[in-house]
N, C-alpha and C. Protein backbone atom coordinates (compact mmCIF):
# COMPACT_ATOMS: atom_id res chain seq x y z
N MET A 1 202.97 195.45 43.77
CA MET A 1 203.31 193.56 44.16
C MET A 1 202.10 193.85 45.51
N HIS A 2 202.92 194.48 46.48
CA HIS A 2 202.78 194.92 47.91
C HIS A 2 201.12 195.86 48.21
N VAL A 3 201.05 196.65 46.97
CA VAL A 3 200.12 197.16 46.65
C VAL A 3 198.88 195.95 46.65
N VAL A 4 198.67 195.56 45.59
CA VAL A 4 197.79 194.11 45.77
C VAL A 4 197.50 193.45 46.98
N HIS A 5 198.52 193.36 47.30
CA HIS A 5 198.51 192.03 48.32
C HIS A 5 198.32 192.88 49.93
N ARG A 6 198.72 194.42 50.29
CA ARG A 6 197.93 195.03 51.49
C ARG A 6 196.07 194.87 50.83
N ILE A 7 195.91 195.33 49.14
CA ILE A 7 194.41 195.49 48.82
C ILE A 7 193.56 194.20 49.64
N GLY A 8 194.12 193.19 49.19
CA GLY A 8 193.86 191.82 49.27
C GLY A 8 193.62 191.12 50.71
N ARG A 9 194.83 191.84 51.25
CA ARG A 9 194.94 191.41 52.95
C ARG A 9 193.65 192.73 53.84
N TYR A 10 193.06 193.91 53.03
CA TYR A 10 192.13 194.73 53.72
C TYR A 10 190.60 193.83 53.33
N ALA A 11 190.53 193.52 51.96
CA ALA A 11 189.57 192.75 51.71
C ALA A 11 188.59 191.34 52.50
N LEU A 12 189.72 191.21 52.86
CA LEU A 12 189.59 189.42 53.85
C LEU A 12 189.47 190.26 55.45
N ILE A 13 190.28 191.30 55.58
CA ILE A 13 189.50 191.63 56.86
C ILE A 13 188.31 192.68 56.61
N GLY A 14 187.80 192.84 55.53
CA GLY A 14 186.55 193.59 55.18
C GLY A 14 185.73 192.91 55.78
N THR A 15 186.36 191.47 55.00
CA THR A 15 184.83 190.23 54.91
C THR A 15 185.06 189.93 56.13
N ALA A 16 185.68 189.37 57.34
CA ALA A 16 186.52 189.45 58.55
C ALA A 16 184.90 189.86 58.84
N ALA A 17 185.03 191.13 58.95
CA ALA A 17 183.90 192.15 59.85
C ALA A 17 182.87 192.03 59.88
N ILE A 18 183.01 192.27 58.00
CA ILE A 18 181.11 192.23 57.55
C ILE A 18 180.78 190.50 58.10
N LEU A 19 181.53 189.51 58.27
CA LEU A 19 180.94 188.23 58.86
C LEU A 19 180.68 188.55 60.03
N LEU A 20 181.77 188.87 60.78
CA LEU A 20 181.36 189.08 62.60
C LEU A 20 180.18 189.76 63.15
N ALA A 21 179.95 190.76 61.89
CA ALA A 21 178.77 191.58 62.02
C ALA A 21 177.69 190.93 62.35
N ALA A 22 177.42 190.06 60.92
CA ALA A 22 176.36 189.21 60.53
C ALA A 22 175.85 188.70 61.77
N CYS A 23 177.16 187.74 62.14
CA CYS A 23 176.87 186.59 63.34
C CYS A 23 176.50 187.64 64.47
N ALA A 24 177.45 188.28 64.75
CA ALA A 24 176.41 188.91 66.41
C ALA A 24 175.26 189.81 65.95
N GLY A 25 174.57 190.30 64.76
CA GLY A 25 172.99 190.27 64.37
C GLY A 25 172.59 189.22 64.15
N GLN A 26 172.77 187.80 64.37
CA GLN A 26 172.27 186.49 64.42
C GLN A 26 172.19 186.36 65.64
N LYS A 27 173.18 186.74 66.66
CA LYS A 27 172.59 185.76 67.76
C LYS A 27 172.03 186.07 68.56
N GLU A 28 171.16 187.51 68.98
CA GLU A 28 170.27 188.10 69.59
C GLU A 28 168.51 187.55 69.08
N PRO A 29 168.68 187.16 68.44
CA PRO A 29 167.17 186.58 67.59
C PRO A 29 167.09 185.24 67.63
N ALA A 30 168.49 184.35 67.52
CA ALA A 30 168.35 183.08 67.83
C ALA A 30 168.25 183.03 69.58
N GLN A 31 169.09 183.63 70.18
CA GLN A 31 168.66 183.58 71.15
C GLN A 31 167.20 184.26 72.08
N LYS A 32 166.84 184.77 71.56
CA LYS A 32 164.81 185.01 72.02
C LYS A 32 164.32 184.09 71.38
N LEU A 33 164.95 183.18 70.31
CA LEU A 33 163.67 181.84 69.92
C LEU A 33 163.60 180.60 70.91
N LEU A 34 165.20 180.66 71.37
CA LEU A 34 165.72 179.52 72.47
C LEU A 34 164.92 180.00 73.94
N HIS A 35 164.95 181.22 73.92
CA HIS A 35 163.88 181.53 74.99
C HIS A 35 162.57 180.86 75.10
N ASP A 36 161.83 181.24 74.08
CA ASP A 36 161.12 181.60 73.65
C ASP A 36 160.23 180.04 73.57
N ILE A 37 161.40 179.46 73.06
CA ILE A 37 160.88 177.15 73.03
C ILE A 37 160.98 177.07 74.52
N ASP A 38 162.02 177.65 75.08
CA ASP A 38 162.15 177.08 76.48
C ASP A 38 160.95 177.45 77.57
N THR A 39 160.51 178.96 77.45
CA THR A 39 159.41 179.22 78.24
C THR A 39 158.20 178.22 77.75
N THR A 40 157.56 178.26 76.72
CA THR A 40 156.49 177.09 76.33
C THR A 40 156.55 176.44 76.52
N VAL A 41 157.80 175.59 76.30
CA VAL A 41 157.89 173.65 77.08
C VAL A 41 157.94 173.81 78.58
N THR A 42 158.41 174.99 79.04
CA THR A 42 157.68 175.02 80.67
C THR A 42 156.53 174.85 81.13
N ALA A 43 156.24 176.05 80.46
CA ALA A 43 154.62 176.19 80.44
C ALA A 43 153.60 174.74 80.67
N ALA A 44 154.77 173.36 79.62
CA ALA A 44 152.93 172.78 79.26
C ALA A 44 153.86 171.62 79.96
N SER A 45 154.86 171.51 80.09
CA SER A 45 155.15 170.46 80.44
C SER A 45 154.61 169.42 81.64
N ALA A 46 154.39 169.66 82.26
CA ALA A 46 153.52 169.23 83.39
C ALA A 46 152.41 168.09 82.71
N GLU A 47 151.74 169.12 82.26
CA GLU A 47 150.35 168.36 81.56
C GLU A 47 151.05 167.25 80.16
N ALA A 48 151.75 167.73 79.70
CA ALA A 48 152.46 166.84 78.35
C ALA A 48 153.26 165.61 78.62
N ALA A 49 154.18 165.90 80.14
CA ALA A 49 154.64 164.97 80.46
C ALA A 49 153.56 163.68 80.99
N LYS A 50 152.57 163.95 81.25
CA LYS A 50 151.83 163.02 81.60
C LYS A 50 151.07 162.38 80.50
N TYR A 51 150.37 163.11 79.81
CA TYR A 51 149.72 162.89 78.57
C TYR A 51 149.86 162.90 77.10
N VAL A 52 151.21 163.40 76.84
CA VAL A 52 151.64 163.35 75.33
C VAL A 52 153.41 163.28 75.89
N PRO A 53 153.92 162.01 76.56
CA PRO A 53 155.20 162.17 76.72
C PRO A 53 156.34 162.23 75.84
N ASP A 54 155.89 161.29 74.67
CA ASP A 54 157.07 161.36 73.39
C ASP A 54 156.63 162.34 72.65
N GLN A 55 155.45 163.33 72.80
CA GLN A 55 155.83 164.53 72.09
C GLN A 55 156.92 165.42 72.60
N LEU A 56 156.12 165.06 73.74
CA LEU A 56 157.45 166.22 74.98
C LEU A 56 158.73 165.99 74.58
N ALA A 57 159.31 164.88 74.69
CA ALA A 57 160.61 164.05 74.05
C ALA A 57 161.08 164.62 73.35
N ASP A 58 160.07 164.60 72.17
CA ASP A 58 160.37 165.24 70.68
C ASP A 58 161.33 166.63 70.57
N VAL A 59 160.48 167.31 71.38
CA VAL A 59 161.00 168.92 71.02
C VAL A 59 161.87 169.07 72.26
N GLN A 60 162.08 168.32 73.52
CA GLN A 60 162.78 168.59 74.64
C GLN A 60 164.21 168.38 73.45
N SER A 61 164.44 167.07 72.65
CA SER A 61 165.39 166.81 72.29
C SER A 61 166.06 167.52 71.09
N LYS A 62 165.17 168.26 70.60
CA LYS A 62 165.53 168.92 69.29
C LYS A 62 165.84 170.70 69.86
N LEU A 63 165.15 170.81 71.54
CA LEU A 63 165.81 172.11 71.59
C LEU A 63 168.11 172.25 72.08
N VAL A 64 167.88 170.82 72.76
CA VAL A 64 169.12 170.75 72.89
C VAL A 64 170.48 170.79 71.66
N VAL A 65 169.43 170.15 70.52
CA VAL A 65 170.20 170.00 69.67
C VAL A 65 170.72 171.75 68.73
N LEU A 66 169.20 172.66 69.30
CA LEU A 66 169.25 173.65 69.06
C LEU A 66 170.67 174.59 70.01
N LYS A 67 170.69 174.44 71.49
CA LYS A 67 171.19 175.00 71.94
C LYS A 67 172.71 175.00 71.72
N ALA A 68 172.77 173.29 71.59
CA ALA A 68 174.29 173.06 71.61
C ALA A 68 174.76 173.90 70.09
N SER A 69 173.77 174.07 69.14
CA SER A 69 174.55 175.18 67.67
C SER A 69 174.78 176.09 68.38
N PHE A 70 173.93 176.49 69.46
CA PHE A 70 173.88 178.26 69.39
C PHE A 70 175.28 178.26 70.44
N ASP A 71 176.11 177.47 71.13
CA ASP A 71 177.04 176.95 71.81
C ASP A 71 178.41 177.52 71.76
N LYS A 72 177.73 176.97 70.07
CA LYS A 72 179.34 176.96 68.60
C LYS A 72 178.91 177.88 67.80
N GLN A 73 178.10 178.93 68.06
CA GLN A 73 177.73 180.37 67.77
C GLN A 73 177.35 179.76 66.06
N ASP A 74 176.51 178.72 65.97
CA ASP A 74 175.54 178.80 64.53
C ASP A 74 174.71 179.42 64.84
N TYR A 75 174.97 180.50 64.54
CA TYR A 75 173.26 181.47 64.99
C TYR A 75 171.83 181.17 63.73
N ALA A 76 172.69 180.80 62.32
CA ALA A 76 172.02 181.14 61.71
C ALA A 76 171.17 179.13 61.51
N ALA A 77 172.32 178.85 62.40
CA ALA A 77 171.17 176.81 62.11
C ALA A 77 170.31 176.61 63.33
N VAL A 78 170.47 177.93 64.26
CA VAL A 78 169.22 177.96 65.73
C VAL A 78 168.02 178.90 64.36
N LEU A 79 168.71 179.90 63.97
CA LEU A 79 167.38 180.74 62.99
C LEU A 79 166.59 179.79 61.89
N THR A 80 167.89 178.97 61.60
CA THR A 80 166.30 177.93 60.76
C THR A 80 165.81 177.35 60.99
N GLY A 81 166.17 176.57 62.14
CA GLY A 81 165.78 175.51 62.56
C GLY A 81 164.42 175.81 63.87
N ALA A 82 164.47 176.57 64.54
CA ALA A 82 164.20 177.18 65.60
C ALA A 82 162.10 177.55 65.37
N PRO A 83 161.98 177.70 64.13
CA PRO A 83 160.70 177.96 64.15
C PRO A 83 159.37 177.28 64.35
N ALA A 84 160.15 175.75 63.65
CA ALA A 84 159.79 174.74 63.40
C ALA A 84 159.36 173.94 64.58
N VAL A 85 160.61 174.34 65.37
CA VAL A 85 160.95 173.72 67.30
C VAL A 85 159.53 173.98 67.91
N LEU A 86 159.77 175.70 67.97
CA LEU A 86 159.25 176.62 68.48
C LEU A 86 157.05 176.54 68.03
N SER A 87 156.97 176.25 67.35
CA SER A 87 155.49 175.76 66.55
C SER A 87 155.15 174.54 67.21
N ALA A 88 156.10 173.12 67.62
CA ALA A 88 156.09 171.90 68.03
C ALA A 88 155.82 172.31 69.94
N ALA A 89 156.61 173.09 69.98
CA ALA A 89 156.31 173.43 71.36
C ALA A 89 154.77 174.07 71.89
N GLN A 90 154.80 174.82 70.84
CA GLN A 90 153.62 175.72 70.85
C GLN A 90 152.28 174.66 71.07
N ASP A 91 152.44 173.77 70.01
CA ASP A 91 151.40 172.68 70.03
C ASP A 91 151.01 171.24 71.18
N LEU A 92 152.18 172.27 71.73
CA LEU A 92 151.86 170.54 73.31
C LEU A 92 151.04 171.01 74.43
N ALA A 93 150.75 172.39 74.32
CA ALA A 93 149.86 172.12 75.53
C ALA A 93 148.74 172.02 74.75
N THR A 94 148.50 172.07 73.47
CA THR A 94 146.79 171.82 72.55
C THR A 94 146.78 170.37 72.95
N ALA A 95 147.67 169.54 72.51
CA ALA A 95 147.73 167.83 72.57
C ALA A 95 147.75 167.08 73.65
N ALA A 96 148.45 167.89 74.69
CA ALA A 96 147.84 167.71 76.10
C ALA A 96 146.75 167.22 76.18
N ALA A 97 145.67 168.70 76.08
CA ALA A 97 144.58 169.03 76.31
C ALA A 97 143.52 168.41 75.81
N THR A 98 143.81 167.53 74.36
CA THR A 98 142.45 166.76 73.98
C THR A 98 143.30 165.86 74.31
N LYS A 99 144.16 164.95 74.43
CA LYS A 99 144.50 164.02 75.28
C LYS A 99 143.97 163.82 76.92
N LYS A 100 144.23 164.79 77.30
CA LYS A 100 143.45 164.80 78.68
C LYS A 100 141.87 163.87 79.07
N ASP A 101 141.89 165.31 77.83
CA ASP A 101 139.77 165.01 77.22
C ASP A 101 139.36 163.69 76.91
N GLU A 102 140.24 162.74 76.45
CA GLU A 102 140.36 161.52 75.93
C GLU A 102 139.81 160.87 77.22
N VAL A 103 141.44 160.74 77.97
CA VAL A 103 141.33 160.08 79.20
C VAL A 103 140.33 160.47 80.50
N LEU A 104 139.94 161.54 80.17
CA LEU A 104 138.87 161.68 81.56
C LEU A 104 137.88 161.19 80.78
N LYS A 105 137.29 161.27 79.58
CA LYS A 105 135.95 160.66 79.10
C LYS A 105 136.42 159.27 79.17
N SER A 106 137.22 158.29 78.90
CA SER A 106 137.58 156.85 79.36
C SER A 106 137.30 156.58 80.41
N LEU A 107 137.79 157.63 81.59
CA LEU A 107 137.80 157.23 83.09
C LEU A 107 136.38 157.74 83.64
N SER A 108 135.84 158.02 82.86
CA SER A 108 134.36 158.56 83.14
C SER A 108 132.75 157.47 82.85
N ASP A 109 133.20 156.98 81.57
CA ASP A 109 132.05 156.06 81.03
C ASP A 109 132.63 154.25 82.00
N SER A 110 134.23 154.57 82.29
CA SER A 110 134.51 153.00 83.33
C SER A 110 133.57 153.31 84.40
N TRP A 111 134.24 155.03 84.88
CA TRP A 111 133.27 154.88 86.53
C TRP A 111 131.58 154.98 86.33
N ALA A 112 131.65 155.49 85.02
CA ALA A 112 129.68 154.66 85.15
C ALA A 112 129.32 153.48 85.18
N ALA A 113 130.66 152.83 84.76
CA ALA A 113 129.66 151.26 84.15
C ALA A 113 129.91 150.60 85.64
N LEU A 114 131.44 150.29 86.15
CA LEU A 114 131.62 150.15 87.32
C LEU A 114 130.75 150.58 88.42
N ALA A 115 129.74 151.62 88.72
CA ALA A 115 128.94 152.31 90.03
C ALA A 115 128.11 151.40 89.63
N ALA A 116 127.62 151.06 88.41
CA ALA A 116 126.20 150.86 88.02
C ALA A 116 125.80 149.04 88.16
N SER A 117 127.29 148.67 88.17
CA SER A 117 127.29 146.94 88.42
C SER A 117 127.69 146.26 89.46
N ILE A 118 128.68 147.13 90.21
CA ILE A 118 129.38 146.93 91.96
C ILE A 118 128.29 146.64 93.04
N PRO A 119 127.48 147.51 93.23
CA PRO A 119 126.55 147.80 94.17
C PRO A 119 125.51 146.49 93.70
N ASP A 120 125.40 146.00 92.84
CA ASP A 120 124.24 144.78 92.65
C ASP A 120 125.47 143.63 92.96
N GLU A 121 126.58 143.62 92.98
CA GLU A 121 127.33 142.50 92.51
C GLU A 121 128.01 142.39 93.89
N VAL A 122 127.53 143.59 94.89
CA VAL A 122 128.19 143.26 96.53
C VAL A 122 126.99 142.74 97.01
N ALA A 123 126.02 143.00 97.00
CA ALA A 123 124.51 142.52 97.36
C ALA A 123 124.52 140.76 97.30
N ALA A 124 124.72 140.60 95.85
CA ALA A 124 124.77 139.42 95.57
C ALA A 124 125.70 138.40 96.56
N VAL A 125 126.63 138.93 96.70
CA VAL A 125 127.96 137.55 96.74
C VAL A 125 127.02 137.87 98.50
N GLN A 126 126.82 139.30 99.25
CA GLN A 126 126.12 138.98 100.76
C GLN A 126 124.83 138.39 100.92
N SER A 127 124.25 138.28 99.87
CA SER A 127 123.17 137.07 99.97
C SER A 127 123.59 135.54 100.30
N ARG A 128 124.72 135.29 99.06
CA ARG A 128 124.59 134.37 99.17
C ARG A 128 125.84 133.62 100.24
N ILE A 129 126.36 134.74 101.01
CA ILE A 129 126.53 134.26 102.47
C ILE A 129 125.97 134.10 103.28
N GLU A 130 125.00 135.11 103.64
CA GLU A 130 124.14 134.97 104.44
C GLU A 130 123.14 133.64 104.54
N LEU A 131 122.75 132.76 102.65
CA LEU A 131 122.05 132.29 102.91
C LEU A 131 123.08 130.85 102.76
N LEU A 132 124.20 130.66 102.90
CA LEU A 132 124.99 129.91 103.27
C LEU A 132 125.76 129.73 104.80
N GLY A 133 125.58 130.75 105.31
CA GLY A 133 125.23 130.71 106.67
C GLY A 133 124.31 129.73 107.34
N LYS A 134 123.44 130.26 106.70
CA LYS A 134 121.78 129.64 107.36
C LYS A 134 122.33 128.34 107.87
N LYS A 135 121.53 126.90 108.50
CA LYS A 135 122.24 126.05 108.79
C LYS A 135 121.43 124.93 107.88
N SER A 136 119.93 125.79 107.47
CA SER A 136 119.66 124.53 106.69
C SER A 136 120.64 124.59 104.93
N SER A 137 121.25 125.33 105.35
CA SER A 137 121.87 125.60 103.83
C SER A 137 123.22 124.58 103.93
N LYS A 138 123.24 123.82 105.06
CA LYS A 138 124.51 122.93 105.49
C LYS A 138 125.75 122.60 104.07
N LYS A 139 124.58 121.73 103.75
CA LYS A 139 125.01 121.36 102.32
C LYS A 139 125.48 121.85 101.49
N LEU A 140 124.90 122.90 101.14
CA LEU A 140 125.09 123.94 100.03
C LEU A 140 126.81 124.31 100.40
N ALA A 141 126.76 124.90 101.72
CA ALA A 141 127.82 125.39 101.69
C ALA A 141 129.06 124.54 102.50
N ALA A 142 128.82 123.06 101.77
CA ALA A 142 130.28 122.69 102.23
C ALA A 142 131.43 122.59 100.80
N GLY A 143 132.75 122.75 101.38
CA GLY A 143 133.60 123.36 100.26
C GLY A 143 133.62 124.91 100.62
N VAL A 144 133.21 125.78 101.33
CA VAL A 144 132.90 127.27 101.41
C VAL A 144 133.49 127.54 102.89
N ASP A 145 135.06 128.54 102.42
CA ASP A 145 134.74 128.95 103.19
C ASP A 145 134.61 130.17 103.88
N LEU A 146 133.70 130.22 104.40
CA LEU A 146 132.78 131.30 104.47
C LEU A 146 133.68 132.19 105.08
N ASP A 147 133.99 132.23 106.16
CA ASP A 147 134.69 133.17 106.98
C ASP A 147 135.39 134.13 106.38
N ALA A 148 135.90 133.48 105.30
CA ALA A 148 137.00 133.95 103.85
C ALA A 148 136.92 134.56 103.28
N ALA A 149 135.46 134.06 102.87
CA ALA A 149 134.23 134.94 101.91
C ALA A 149 133.84 136.28 102.71
N LYS A 150 134.04 136.19 104.06
CA LYS A 150 132.96 137.47 104.79
C LYS A 150 133.98 138.53 105.21
N ALA A 151 135.62 137.97 105.25
CA ALA A 151 137.00 138.56 105.26
C ALA A 151 136.89 140.03 104.03
N ALA A 152 136.77 139.06 102.93
CA ALA A 152 137.07 139.74 101.56
C ALA A 152 135.98 140.52 101.21
N GLN A 153 134.68 139.85 101.31
CA GLN A 153 133.61 140.76 101.50
C GLN A 153 133.98 142.21 102.05
N GLY A 154 133.80 142.35 103.23
CA GLY A 154 134.72 143.53 103.70
C GLY A 154 135.62 144.00 103.27
N GLU A 155 136.66 143.43 103.12
CA GLU A 155 137.83 144.35 102.33
C GLU A 155 136.96 144.50 101.16
N ALA A 156 136.01 143.89 100.42
CA ALA A 156 135.77 144.92 99.16
C ALA A 156 135.38 146.26 99.42
N GLY A 157 134.05 146.06 100.39
CA GLY A 157 133.19 146.60 101.24
C GLY A 157 134.00 148.41 101.14
N SER A 158 135.02 148.10 102.27
CA SER A 158 135.69 149.19 102.71
C SER A 158 136.64 149.78 101.56
N LEU A 159 137.31 148.84 100.45
CA LEU A 159 137.69 149.90 98.95
C LEU A 159 136.91 150.12 97.70
N TRP A 160 135.47 149.75 98.00
CA TRP A 160 134.28 150.39 97.73
C TRP A 160 134.40 152.12 97.57
N SER A 161 134.09 152.14 99.51
CA SER A 161 134.24 153.33 100.26
C SER A 161 135.29 153.82 99.69
N LYS A 162 136.28 153.78 98.96
CA LYS A 162 137.50 154.49 99.22
C LYS A 162 137.34 154.81 97.59
N ALA A 163 136.78 154.19 96.65
CA ALA A 163 136.56 154.41 95.57
C ALA A 163 135.25 155.80 95.53
N GLN A 164 134.64 155.11 96.21
CA GLN A 164 133.67 156.38 96.20
C GLN A 164 133.63 157.83 96.55
N ALA A 165 135.09 158.06 97.48
CA ALA A 165 135.48 158.92 97.70
C ALA A 165 136.24 159.59 97.36
N ALA A 166 137.03 159.03 96.48
CA ALA A 166 137.75 159.58 95.13
C ALA A 166 137.05 159.91 94.24
N PHE A 167 136.17 159.41 93.79
CA PHE A 167 135.20 160.13 92.63
C PHE A 167 134.65 160.92 93.30
N ALA A 168 134.07 161.41 94.67
CA ALA A 168 133.74 162.46 95.39
C ALA A 168 134.78 163.57 95.19
N ALA A 169 135.72 163.04 95.60
CA ALA A 169 137.15 164.22 95.40
C ALA A 169 137.96 164.76 93.49
N GLY A 170 136.98 164.00 92.84
CA GLY A 170 137.74 164.48 91.73
C GLY A 170 138.36 163.60 91.32
N ASN A 171 139.04 162.48 92.24
CA ASN A 171 139.94 161.79 91.37
C ASN A 171 139.54 160.27 90.97
N LEU A 172 139.63 160.76 88.96
CA LEU A 172 138.92 159.95 88.90
C LEU A 172 139.45 158.19 88.19
N ASP A 173 141.32 159.28 88.43
CA ASP A 173 142.25 157.78 87.97
C ASP A 173 141.80 156.72 89.08
N GLU A 174 142.13 156.88 90.52
CA GLU A 174 142.07 156.77 91.42
C GLU A 174 141.28 155.70 92.16
N ALA A 175 139.40 156.55 91.59
CA ALA A 175 137.87 156.25 92.18
C ALA A 175 138.39 154.46 91.24
N VAL A 176 138.60 154.96 89.60
CA VAL A 176 138.40 153.62 88.78
C VAL A 176 139.61 152.68 89.26
N SER A 177 140.59 153.22 89.02
CA SER A 177 141.62 151.77 89.36
C SER A 177 140.99 151.26 90.65
N THR A 178 140.47 151.30 91.84
CA THR A 178 140.15 151.20 92.92
C THR A 178 138.86 150.43 92.96
N ALA A 179 137.90 151.02 91.66
CA ALA A 179 136.86 149.97 91.73
C ALA A 179 137.20 149.23 91.13
N LYS A 180 138.07 149.18 90.08
CA LYS A 180 138.05 147.71 88.99
C LYS A 180 138.82 146.49 90.54
N ALA A 181 140.17 146.90 91.74
CA ALA A 181 140.36 145.97 92.68
C ALA A 181 139.07 145.11 93.12
N VAL A 182 137.60 146.62 93.72
CA VAL A 182 136.23 145.84 94.00
C VAL A 182 136.16 144.62 93.44
N GLN A 183 136.07 145.22 92.76
CA GLN A 183 135.36 144.18 91.02
C GLN A 183 136.30 142.84 90.98
N ALA A 184 137.83 143.46 91.38
CA ALA A 184 138.31 141.90 90.63
C ALA A 184 138.08 140.95 92.20
N LYS A 185 137.97 141.56 93.43
CA LYS A 185 137.95 141.22 94.78
C LYS A 185 137.03 140.47 94.69
N ILE A 186 134.93 141.06 94.31
CA ILE A 186 134.14 140.84 94.35
C ILE A 186 134.00 139.48 93.46
N GLU A 187 135.02 139.38 92.38
CA GLU A 187 134.33 137.91 91.35
C GLU A 187 135.50 136.82 92.05
N GLY A 188 136.11 137.26 92.55
CA GLY A 188 137.32 136.12 93.58
C GLY A 188 136.58 135.30 94.51
N VAL A 189 135.34 136.15 95.11
CA VAL A 189 134.31 135.68 96.09
C VAL A 189 132.97 134.86 95.84
N ALA A 190 132.95 135.67 95.03
CA ALA A 190 131.74 134.88 94.18
C ALA A 190 132.04 133.10 93.47
N GLY A 191 133.23 133.36 93.05
CA GLY A 191 133.86 132.18 92.79
C GLY A 191 134.11 131.36 93.65
N ALA A 192 134.65 131.92 94.91
CA ALA A 192 134.70 130.31 95.65
C ALA A 192 132.96 130.27 96.18
N LEU A 193 132.58 131.11 96.35
CA LEU A 193 131.00 130.77 96.46
C LEU A 193 130.38 129.90 95.87
N LYS A 194 131.01 129.67 94.43
CA LYS A 194 130.05 128.87 93.61
C LYS A 194 129.01 130.04 92.86
N LEU A 195 129.34 131.40 93.06
CA LEU A 195 128.47 132.34 92.51
C LEU A 195 128.42 132.86 91.13
N ASN A 196 127.17 132.44 90.58
CA ASN A 196 127.30 133.70 89.58
C ASN A 196 126.87 135.08 89.83
N LEU A 197 127.73 136.22 89.03
CA LEU A 197 126.76 137.39 89.78
C LEU A 197 125.81 137.47 88.67
N PRO A 198 125.11 138.84 88.80
CA PRO A 198 123.81 139.32 88.40
C PRO A 198 124.35 140.07 86.91
N ALA A 199 123.44 140.27 85.82
CA ALA A 199 123.79 140.66 84.62
C ALA A 199 124.93 141.97 84.70
N GLY A 200 125.26 142.14 83.98
CA GLY A 200 126.12 143.41 83.87
C GLY A 200 127.58 143.01 84.37
N GLY A 201 127.71 141.39 85.09
CA GLY A 201 128.75 141.84 85.98
C GLY A 201 128.83 140.59 85.56
N PRO A 202 130.40 140.17 86.12
CA PRO A 202 131.22 139.03 85.54
C PRO A 202 130.71 137.41 86.02
N ALA A 203 130.70 136.61 85.42
CA ALA A 203 129.48 135.27 85.76
C ALA A 203 130.50 134.59 86.52
């Protein structure tokens, strides 16, 4: 009876030793996979955070789960789940680059349209201000605050110079947002001057 009991105990010890060896054997590859995911995410994070933030957040949350499994020494769970997470991490750079190209194309198209219309709109407003400033246009200028219009026109001109400088520096985002501010200001001045802007711009 003692012999059977002793054999059983040895069997348990042997099984435990095998499990420990298997566990130890899984730790290193699991650790390497986590390191690879970490490195890949870090390399892509700047662009991914800007262009595919949801995709980045999903990979990061899955990585947190894998690290928790590793800390619990559940290396099998890491080895099972990590390949898919690593693949998703590797996709971040491509997805971000694709989205960036789309955004830049959209900004480029917007800038082209704004750059084509704003100079004519600015010129039209300037001509209207000059016309209303003449003594012969006193009746036409009734109810129009020319001084305010001139000030707003000057601000629009300064903003347009800023937009052009941003475009020249390659900052399309700032160039387009500033140009839109110029257009909004010009619209406001045109409205105050009872002016219909040229075709291609707002009436």
